[in-house]
Amino acid sequence: MTIIYPSPIFGPVHSRRLGVSLGVNLMPSDGKVCSFDCIYCECGFNGDFRPKAKRPTREEVREALTTVLQQRHANGEPLDVITFAGNGEPTGHPDFAGIIDDTIEVRNRFFPEAKVSVLSNATFIQKVDIHDALMKVDNNIQKLDTINREYILKVDRPTSPSYDVNKVIERLKDFKGHVIIQTMFMRGSYKGESIDNTSEAYIAPWLNAVKDIKPQQVMIYTIDRETPAQGLLKAEPALLDSIKQRVELLGIPCSASY
């Protein structure tokens, strides 16, 4: 079942990786706006969910977040993290940097121990204001499924023809370690072609990129929910564990979610 999230606030949900997570969706509530069109996205393909509504404004996000955090604080309800995710790429919002400033201010008022996380596909990190905003959040989580260009075009499907994974890796280095790399490993096929990125031909170059980026952490995971493309298969726990161990041998903490 495809998931289209409410906007601007949804949840909280119990995240496999982050705990009790209140979601912030900076995209319209009736569709998907993303600079990737991943074949495994739980929100479906971009073309199937074109929104008619507008993105929430900075003011609407701040008001909605303040209301929810105020209520949870008053009721003694727990909160581990505020997570920017939802129906597309959060850093694509024109007021993303200001929204991060607002979120940190409101968080500090009601849940100072809660983390602020951003789940991003790294397509806008070359912009100075986006980079600077991401340096302010606790968990700057950036996607890097592979460094293989053909695989990216087949699976992540960036909407910009100028997307260059090598340039993205250079920008990921610019975070000076204040970044978490998130990678989807899976098996199977799509439209008659393999989408398996679990062989050594994919893992070894990816590990080299991770070593160069020097992130504070790596999160590896596999398919957990229904995907819009058919034929995608989970990577086995033993395989994810073996990749996790290789990341840890680089001196980088790593988590694996099955």
C-alpha atoms as a PDB file:
ATOM      1  CA  MET A   1       0.000   0.000   0.000  1.00  0.00           C
ATOM      2  CA  THR A   2       1.426   3.382  -1.029  1.00  0.00           C
ATOM      3  CA  ILE A   3       1.849   5.908   1.794  1.00  0.00           C
ATOM      4  CA  ILE A   4       1.099   9.597   1.240  1.00  0.00           C
ATOM      5  CA  TYR A   5       1.756  11.462   4.474  1.00  0.00           C
ATOM      6  CA  PRO A   6      -0.271  14.298   5.989  1.00  0.00           C
ATOM      7  CA  SER A   7       1.327  17.737   5.936  1.00  0.00           C
ATOM      8  CA  PRO A   8       3.016  19.463   7.670  1.00  0.00           C
ATOM      9  CA  ILE A   9       3.059  17.162  10.746  1.00  0.00           C
ATOM     10  CA  PHE A  10       2.451  13.413  10.929  1.00  0.00           C
ATOM     11  CA  GLY A  11       2.882  10.680  13.519  1.00  0.00           C
ATOM     12  CA  PRO A  12       4.568  10.141  15.784  1.00  0.00           C
ATOM     13  CA  VAL A  13       5.733   6.879  14.277  1.00  0.00           C
ATOM     14  CA  HIS A  14       8.015   4.275  15.787  1.00  0.00           C
ATOM     15  CA  SER A  15      11.042   4.381  13.515  1.00  0.00           C
ATOM     16  CA  ARG A  16      13.281   1.330  13.126  1.00  0.00           C
ATOM     17  CA  ARG A  17      16.317   3.577  13.297  1.00  0.00           C
ATOM     18  CA  LEU A  18      15.308   6.684  15.260  1.00  0.00           C
ATOM     19  CA  GLY A  19      12.779   5.772  18.000  1.00  0.00           C
ATOM     20  CA  VAL A  20       9.565   7.766  18.715  1.00  0.00           C
ATOM     21  CA  SER A  21       9.658  10.103  15.745  1.00  0.00           C
ATOM     22  CA  LEU A  22       7.392  13.039  14.959  1.00  0.00           C
ATOM     23  CA  GLY A  23       7.389  13.556  11.215  1.00  0.00           C
ATOM     24  CA  VAL A  24       7.587  16.891   9.408  1.00  0.00           C
ATOM     25  CA  ASN A  25       6.426  16.736   5.785  1.00  0.00           C
ATOM     26  CA  LEU A  26       7.371  19.842   3.795  1.00  0.00           C
ATOM     27  CA  MET A  27       5.633  18.554   0.678  1.00  0.00           C
ATOM     28  CA  PRO A  28       1.925  18.822  -0.251  1.00  0.00           C
ATOM     29  CA  SER A  29      -0.400  16.474   1.632  1.00  0.00           C
ATOM     30  CA  ASP A  30      -2.029  15.122  -1.540  1.00  0.00           C
ATOM     31  CA  GLY A  31       0.978  13.955  -3.540  1.00  0.00           C
ATOM     32  CA  LYS A  32       4.703  13.559  -3.989  1.00  0.00           C
ATOM     33  CA  VAL A  33       7.397  16.069  -4.982  1.00  0.00           C
ATOM     34  CA  CYS A  34      10.884  14.588  -5.141  1.00  0.00           C
ATOM     35  CA  SER A  35      14.172  15.047  -6.973  1.00  0.00           C
ATOM     36  CA  PHE A  36      14.521  11.242  -7.026  1.00  0.00           C
ATOM     37  CA  ASP A  37      11.930   8.754  -8.276  1.00  0.00           C
ATOM     38  CA  CYS A  38      13.164   5.622  -6.499  1.00  0.00           C
ATOM     39  CA  ILE A  39      11.632   2.352  -7.584  1.00  0.00           C
ATOM     40  CA  TYR A  40      11.449   1.270  -3.919  1.00  0.00           C
ATOM     41  CA  CYS A  41       9.821   4.426  -2.498  1.00  0.00           C
ATOM     42  CA  GLU A  42       6.930   3.756  -0.119  1.00  0.00           C
ATOM     43  CA  CYS A  43       5.288   6.951  -1.428  1.00  0.00           C
ATOM     44  CA  GLY A  44       5.056   5.518  -4.954  1.00  0.00           C
ATOM     45  CA  PHE A  45       6.264   6.860  -8.292  1.00  0.00           C
ATOM     46  CA  ASN A  46       6.323  10.635  -8.802  1.00  0.00           C
ATOM     47  CA  GLY A  47       4.109  10.463 -11.881  1.00  0.00           C
ATOM     48  CA  ASP A  48       1.348   8.561 -10.095  1.00  0.00           C
ATOM     49  CA  PHE A  49       0.873  11.110  -7.306  1.00  0.00           C
ATOM     50  CA  ARG A  50       1.083  14.605  -8.780  1.00  0.00           C
ATOM     51  CA  PRO A  51      -0.111  17.020  -6.068  1.00  0.00           C
ATOM     52  CA  LYS A  52      -2.690  19.757  -6.546  1.00  0.00           C
ATOM     53  CA  ALA A  53      -2.122  21.341  -3.136  1.00  0.00           C
ATOM     54  CA  LYS A  54       0.809  23.624  -2.299  1.00  0.00           C
ATOM     55  CA  ARG A  55       3.682  23.012   0.071  1.00  0.00           C
ATOM     56  CA  PRO A  56       3.053  24.213   3.638  1.00  0.00           C
ATOM     57  CA  THR A  57       4.554  27.633   4.322  1.00  0.00           C
ATOM     58  CA  ARG A  58       7.282  28.262   6.873  1.00  0.00           C
ATOM     59  CA  GLU A  59       4.680  29.881   9.141  1.00  0.00           C
ATOM     60  CA  GLU A  60       2.299  26.917   8.826  1.00  0.00           C
ATOM     61  CA  VAL A  61       5.053  24.476   9.719  1.00  0.00           C
ATOM     62  CA  ARG A  62       6.101  26.504  12.750  1.00  0.00           C
ATOM     63  CA  GLU A  63       2.535  26.875  14.038  1.00  0.00           C
ATOM     64  CA  ALA A  64       1.681  23.203  13.566  1.00  0.00           C
ATOM     65  CA  LEU A  65       4.907  22.010  15.184  1.00  0.00           C
ATOM     66  CA  THR A  66       4.476  24.365  18.138  1.00  0.00           C
ATOM     67  CA  THR A  67       0.922  23.120  18.728  1.00  0.00           C
ATOM     68  CA  VAL A  68       1.899  19.437  18.664  1.00  0.00           C
ATOM     69  CA  LEU A  69       5.003  19.811  20.833  1.00  0.00           C
ATOM     70  CA  GLN A  70       3.103  21.954  23.343  1.00  0.00           C
ATOM     71  CA  GLN A  71       0.393  19.295  23.639  1.00  0.00           C
ATOM     72  CA  ARG A  72       2.831  16.397  23.964  1.00  0.00           C
ATOM     73  CA  HIS A  73       4.816  18.281  26.605  1.00  0.00           C
ATOM     74  CA  ALA A  74       1.660  19.093  28.578  1.00  0.00           C
ATOM     75  CA  ASN A  75       0.490  15.462  28.417  1.00  0.00           C
ATOM     76  CA  GLY A  76       3.872  14.016  29.363  1.00  0.00           C
ATOM     77  CA  GLU A  77       4.128  12.090  26.089  1.00  0.00           C
ATOM     78  CA  PRO A  78       7.637  11.030  25.026  1.00  0.00           C
ATOM     79  CA  LEU A  79       9.483  12.244  21.939  1.00  0.00           C
ATOM     80  CA  ASP A  80      12.889  11.055  20.768  1.00  0.00           C
ATOM     81  CA  VAL A  81      13.234  12.828  17.447  1.00  0.00           C
ATOM     82  CA  ILE A  82      11.654  15.304  15.032  1.00  0.00           C
ATOM     83  CA  THR A  83      12.230  13.913  11.559  1.00  0.00           C
ATOM     84  CA  PHE A  84      11.973  15.745   8.247  1.00  0.00           C
ATOM     85  CA  ALA A  85      10.725  13.157   5.778  1.00  0.00           C
ATOM     86  CA  GLY A  86       7.346  12.641   4.096  1.00  0.00           C
ATOM     87  CA  ASN A  87       6.266  12.880   0.463  1.00  0.00           C
ATOM     88  CA  GLY A  88       9.530  13.846  -1.186  1.00  0.00           C
ATOM     89  CA  GLU A  89      12.828  15.650  -0.695  1.00  0.00           C
ATOM     90  CA  PRO A  90      12.567  18.023   2.323  1.00  0.00           C
ATOM     91  CA  THR A  91      15.539  20.192   1.342  1.00  0.00           C
ATOM     92  CA  GLY A  92      13.667  21.099  -1.843  1.00  0.00           C
ATOM     93  CA  HIS A  93      11.380  23.407   0.148  1.00  0.00           C
ATOM     94  CA  PRO A  94      12.297  27.052  -0.652  1.00  0.00           C
ATOM     95  CA  ASP A  95      12.279  27.968   3.063  1.00  0.00           C
ATOM     96  CA  PHE A  96      14.043  24.845   4.314  1.00  0.00           C
ATOM     97  CA  ALA A  97      16.850  26.741   6.082  1.00  0.00           C
ATOM     98  CA  GLY A  98      14.421  29.011   7.944  1.00  0.00           C
ATOM     99  CA  ILE A  99      12.208  26.069   8.865  1.00  0.00           C
ATOM    100  CA  ILE A 100      15.202  24.313  10.436  1.00  0.00           C
ATOM    101  CA  ASP A 101      15.936  27.430  12.524  1.00  0.00           C
ATOM    102  CA  ASP A 102      12.297  27.546  13.669  1.00  0.00           C
ATOM    103  CA  THR A 103      12.267  23.832  14.476  1.00  0.00           C
ATOM    104  CA  ILE A 104      15.371  24.036  16.632  1.00  0.00           C
ATOM    105  CA  GLU A 105      13.925  27.008  18.531  1.00  0.00           C
ATOM    106  CA  VAL A 106      10.577  25.263  19.169  1.00  0.00           C
ATOM    107  CA  ARG A 107      12.311  21.981  20.035  1.00  0.00           C
ATOM    108  CA  ASN A 108      14.499  23.752  22.593  1.00  0.00           C
ATOM    109  CA  ARG A 109      11.393  25.167  24.283  1.00  0.00           C
ATOM    110  CA  PHE A 110       9.484  21.923  24.739  1.00  0.00           C
ATOM    111  CA  PHE A 111      11.735  18.897  24.149  1.00  0.00           C
ATOM    112  CA  PRO A 112      15.371  20.034  24.419  1.00  0.00           C
ATOM    113  CA  GLU A 113      16.568  16.416  24.570  1.00  0.00           C
ATOM    114  CA  ALA A 114      14.863  15.444  21.302  1.00  0.00           C
ATOM    115  CA  LYS A 115      17.005  15.190  18.201  1.00  0.00           C
ATOM    116  CA  VAL A 116      16.253  16.908  14.897  1.00  0.00           C
ATOM    117  CA  SER A 117      16.793  14.578  11.936  1.00  0.00           C
ATOM    118  CA  VAL A 118      16.628  15.153   8.202  1.00  0.00           C
ATOM    119  CA  LEU A 119      16.222  12.285   5.732  1.00  0.00           C
ATOM    120  CA  SER A 120      17.592  13.552   2.428  1.00  0.00           C
ATOM    121  CA  ASN A 121      18.713  12.222  -0.941  1.00  0.00           C
ATOM    122  CA  ALA A 122      21.621  14.706  -1.085  1.00  0.00           C
ATOM    123  CA  THR A 123      20.492  16.370  -4.322  1.00  0.00           C
ATOM    124  CA  PHE A 124      20.568  19.929  -2.905  1.00  0.00           C
ATOM    125  CA  ILE A 125      23.537  19.781  -0.529  1.00  0.00           C
ATOM    126  CA  GLN A 126      25.674  21.854  -2.921  1.00  0.00           C
ATOM    127  CA  LYS A 127      23.552  24.894  -1.979  1.00  0.00           C
ATOM    128  CA  VAL A 128      25.212  26.913   0.775  1.00  0.00           C
ATOM    129  CA  ASP A 129      22.006  27.582   2.736  1.00  0.00           C
ATOM    130  CA  ILE A 130      21.047  23.883   2.655  1.00  0.00           C
ATOM    131  CA  HIS A 131      24.537  22.799   3.731  1.00  0.00           C
ATOM    132  CA  ASP A 132      24.557  25.321   6.591  1.00  0.00           C
ATOM    133  CA  ALA A 133      21.071  24.291   7.767  1.00  0.00           C
ATOM    134  CA  LEU A 134      22.035  20.613   7.769  1.00  0.00           C
ATOM    135  CA  MET A 135      25.102  21.419   9.863  1.00  0.00           C
ATOM    136  CA  LYS A 136      22.694  22.617  12.591  1.00  0.00           C
ATOM    137  CA  VAL A 137      20.610  19.437  12.897  1.00  0.00           C
ATOM    138  CA  ASP A 138      21.521  16.483  15.094  1.00  0.00           C
ATOM    139  CA  ASN A 139      21.105  13.760  12.479  1.00  0.00           C
ATOM    140  CA  ASN A 140      22.003  14.842   8.955  1.00  0.00           C
ATOM    141  CA  ILE A 141      21.032  11.627   7.145  1.00  0.00           C
ATOM    142  CA  GLN A 142      22.002  11.529   3.476  1.00  0.00           C
ATOM    143  CA  LYS A 143      21.301   8.783   0.960  1.00  0.00           C
ATOM    144  CA  LEU A 144      24.083   7.042  -0.956  1.00  0.00           C
ATOM    145  CA  ASP A 145      22.805   3.720  -2.347  1.00  0.00           C
ATOM    146  CA  THR A 146      25.806   3.136  -4.611  1.00  0.00           C
ATOM    147  CA  ILE A 147      28.442   5.008  -6.552  1.00  0.00           C
ATOM    148  CA  ASN A 148      27.512   3.183  -9.772  1.00  0.00           C
ATOM    149  CA  ARG A 149      25.972   5.694 -12.196  1.00  0.00           C
ATOM    150  CA  GLU A 150      23.995   3.125 -14.185  1.00  0.00           C
ATOM    151  CA  TYR A 151      22.481   1.700 -11.022  1.00  0.00           C
ATOM    152  CA  ILE A 152      21.485   5.176  -9.802  1.00  0.00           C
ATOM    153  CA  LEU A 153      19.763   5.951 -13.107  1.00  0.00           C
ATOM    154  CA  LYS A 154      17.921   2.630 -12.955  1.00  0.00           C
ATOM    155  CA  VAL A 155      16.946   2.571  -9.273  1.00  0.00           C
ATOM    156  CA  ASP A 156      17.142   6.053  -7.671  1.00  0.00           C
ATOM    157  CA  ARG A 157      16.229   7.773 -10.953  1.00  0.00           C
ATOM    158  CA  PRO A 158      17.235  11.410 -10.262  1.00  0.00           C
ATOM    159  CA  THR A 159      14.978  13.885 -12.045  1.00  0.00           C
ATOM    160  CA  SER A 160      17.866  16.216 -12.922  1.00  0.00           C
ATOM    161  CA  PRO A 161      19.968  15.147 -15.925  1.00  0.00           C
ATOM    162  CA  SER A 162      22.980  16.891 -14.344  1.00  0.00           C
ATOM    163  CA  TYR A 163      23.034  14.599 -11.278  1.00  0.00           C
ATOM    164  CA  ASP A 164      26.597  13.416 -10.685  1.00  0.00           C
ATOM    165  CA  VAL A 165      27.245  11.006  -7.816  1.00  0.00           C
ATOM    166  CA  ASN A 166      30.952  11.896  -7.708  1.00  0.00           C
ATOM    167  CA  LYS A 167      30.090  15.549  -7.096  1.00  0.00           C
ATOM    168  CA  VAL A 168      27.614  14.462  -4.409  1.00  0.00           C
ATOM    169  CA  ILE A 169      30.359  12.498  -2.668  1.00  0.00           C
ATOM    170  CA  GLU A 170      32.588  15.602  -2.705  1.00  0.00           C
ATOM    171  CA  ARG A 171      29.783  17.631  -1.111  1.00  0.00           C
ATOM    172  CA  LEU A 172      29.219  14.901   1.490  1.00  0.00           C
ATOM    173  CA  LYS A 173      32.881  15.295   2.453  1.00  0.00           C
ATOM    174  CA  ASP A 174      32.211  18.998   3.052  1.00  0.00           C
ATOM    175  CA  PHE A 175      30.149  18.118   6.130  1.00  0.00           C
ATOM    176  CA  LYS A 176      33.467  17.218   7.831  1.00  0.00           C
ATOM    177  CA  GLY A 177      31.972  14.145   9.492  1.00  0.00           C
ATOM    178  CA  HIS A 178      28.668  15.755  10.496  1.00  0.00           C
ATOM    179  CA  VAL A 179      26.693  13.392   8.285  1.00  0.00           C
ATOM    180  CA  ILE A 180      25.077   9.956   8.485  1.00  0.00           C
ATOM    181  CA  ILE A 181      25.135   7.872   5.311  1.00  0.00           C
ATOM    182  CA  GLN A 182      22.013   5.811   4.654  1.00  0.00           C
ATOM    183  CA  THR A 183      22.102   3.015   2.080  1.00  0.00           C
ATOM    184  CA  MET A 184      19.416   0.671   0.756  1.00  0.00           C
ATOM    185  CA  PHE A 185      20.665  -2.796  -0.144  1.00  0.00           C
ATOM    186  CA  MET A 186      18.350  -5.117  -2.038  1.00  0.00           C
ATOM    187  CA  ARG A 187      18.145  -7.942  -4.544  1.00  0.00           C
ATOM    188  CA  GLY A 188      15.735  -8.760  -7.353  1.00  0.00           C
ATOM    189  CA  SER A 189      15.006  -7.273 -10.762  1.00  0.00           C
ATOM    190  CA  TYR A 190      13.011  -4.495 -12.405  1.00  0.00           C
ATOM    191  CA  LYS A 191      11.870  -4.492 -16.019  1.00  0.00           C
ATOM    192  CA  GLY A 192      14.028  -7.524 -16.696  1.00  0.00           C
ATOM    193  CA  GLU A 193      17.231  -5.994 -15.290  1.00  0.00           C
ATOM    194  CA  SER A 194      19.008  -6.846 -12.055  1.00  0.00           C
ATOM    195  CA  ILE A 195      18.780  -4.252  -9.275  1.00  0.00           C
ATOM    196  CA  ASP A 196      20.997  -6.257  -6.902  1.00  0.00           C
ATOM    197  CA  ASN A 197      23.609  -3.990  -5.285  1.00  0.00           C
ATOM    198  CA  THR A 198      24.867  -6.585  -2.807  1.00  0.00           C
ATOM    199  CA  SER A 199      27.760  -8.003  -4.854  1.00  0.00           C
ATOM    200  CA  GLU A 200      31.395  -7.088  -4.250  1.00  0.00           C
ATOM    201  CA  ALA A 201      31.381  -5.017  -7.455  1.00  0.00           C
ATOM    202  CA  TYR A 202      28.991  -2.609  -5.688  1.00  0.00           C
ATOM    203  CA  ILE A 203      30.034  -2.974  -2.056  1.00  0.00           C
ATOM    204  CA  ALA A 204      33.784  -2.379  -2.423  1.00  0.00           C
ATOM    205  CA  PRO A 205      33.513   1.004  -4.255  1.00  0.00           C
ATOM    206  CA  TRP A 206      30.738   2.066  -1.871  1.00  0.00           C
ATOM    207  CA  LEU A 207      32.967   1.251   1.108  1.00  0.00           C
ATOM    208  CA  ASN A 208      35.767   3.322  -0.410  1.00  0.00           C
ATOM    209  CA  ALA A 209      33.376   6.274  -0.753  1.00  0.00           C
ATOM    210  CA  VAL A 210      32.237   5.857   2.850  1.00  0.00           C
ATOM    211  CA  LYS A 211      35.879   5.792   3.960  1.00  0.00           C
ATOM    212  CA  ASP A 212      36.515   9.057   2.091  1.00  0.00           C
ATOM    213  CA  ILE A 213      33.365  10.786   3.422  1.00  0.00           C
ATOM    214  CA  LYS A 214      34.194   9.838   7.038  1.00  0.00           C
ATOM    215  CA  PRO A 215      30.592  10.040   8.305  1.00  0.00           C
ATOM    216  CA  GLN A 216      29.722   9.907  11.997  1.00  0.00           C
ATOM    217  CA  GLN A 217      27.603   6.828  11.305  1.00  0.00           C
ATOM    218  CA  VAL A 218      26.293   4.590   8.516  1.00  0.00           C
ATOM    219  CA  MET A 219      22.755   3.188   8.407  1.00  0.00           C
ATOM    220  CA  ILE A 220      22.181   0.250   6.095  1.00  0.00           C
ATOM    221  CA  TYR A 221      18.753  -1.196   5.531  1.00  0.00           C
ATOM    222  CA  THR A 222      16.611  -3.165   3.133  1.00  0.00           C
ATOM    223  CA  ILE A 223      13.036  -3.151   1.866  1.00  0.00           C
ATOM    224  CA  ASP A 224      10.512  -3.075   4.711  1.00  0.00           C
ATOM    225  CA  ARG A 225       7.289  -1.858   3.071  1.00  0.00           C
ATOM    226  CA  GLU A 226       5.425  -2.334  -0.179  1.00  0.00           C
ATOM    227  CA  THR A 227       7.233  -0.887  -3.197  1.00  0.00           C
ATOM    228  CA  PRO A 228       5.733   0.618  -6.376  1.00  0.00           C
ATOM    229  CA  ALA A 229       7.974  -1.585  -8.549  1.00  0.00           C
ATOM    230  CA  GLN A 230       7.455  -5.333  -8.597  1.00  0.00           C
ATOM    231  CA  GLY A 231      10.265  -7.878  -8.331  1.00  0.00           C
ATOM    232  CA  LEU A 232      12.308  -6.183  -5.589  1.00  0.00           C
ATOM    233  CA  LEU A 233      13.618  -8.499  -2.881  1.00  0.00           C
ATOM    234  CA  LYS A 234      15.026  -7.979   0.593  1.00  0.00           C
ATOM    235  CA  ALA A 235      18.722  -8.379   1.285  1.00  0.00           C
ATOM    236  CA  GLU A 236      19.299 -11.145   3.820  1.00  0.00           C
ATOM    237  CA  PRO A 237      20.141 -10.229   7.445  1.00  0.00           C
ATOM    238  CA  ALA A 238      23.425 -12.179   7.277  1.00  0.00           C
ATOM    239  CA  LEU A 239      24.484 -10.141   4.244  1.00  0.00           C
ATOM    240  CA  LEU A 240      23.631  -6.832   5.915  1.00  0.00           C
ATOM    241  CA  ASP A 241      25.522  -7.942   9.010  1.00  0.00           C
ATOM    242  CA  SER A 242      28.608  -8.711   6.928  1.00  0.00           C
ATOM    243  CA  ILE A 243      28.479  -5.244   5.309  1.00  0.00           C
ATOM    244  CA  LYS A 244      27.964  -3.693   8.744  1.00  0.00           C
ATOM    245  CA  GLN A 245      31.102  -5.415  10.043  1.00  0.00           C
ATOM    246  CA  ARG A 246      33.139  -4.102   7.108  1.00  0.00           C
ATOM    247  CA  VAL A 247      31.988  -0.542   7.806  1.00  0.00           C
ATOM    248  CA  GLU A 248      32.891  -0.949  11.472  1.00  0.00           C
ATOM    249  CA  LEU A 249      36.358  -2.131  10.483  1.00  0.00           C
ATOM    250  CA  LEU A 250      36.806   1.332   8.999  1.00  0.00           C
ATOM    251  CA  GLY A 251      36.219   2.733  12.494  1.00  0.00           C
ATOM    252  CA  ILE A 252      32.732   4.015  11.606  1.00  0.00           C
ATOM    253  CA  PRO A 253      29.657   3.037  13.685  1.00  0.00           C
ATOM    254  CA  CYS A 254      27.059   1.203  11.604  1.00  0.00           C
ATOM    255  CA  SER A 255      23.501  -0.025  12.164  1.00  0.00           C
ATOM    256  CA  ALA A 256      21.655  -2.612  10.071  1.00  0.00           C
ATOM    257  CA  SER A 257      17.848  -2.708   9.822  1.00  0.00           C
ATOM    258  CA  TYR A 258      16.167  -5.760   8.401  1.00  0.00           C
END
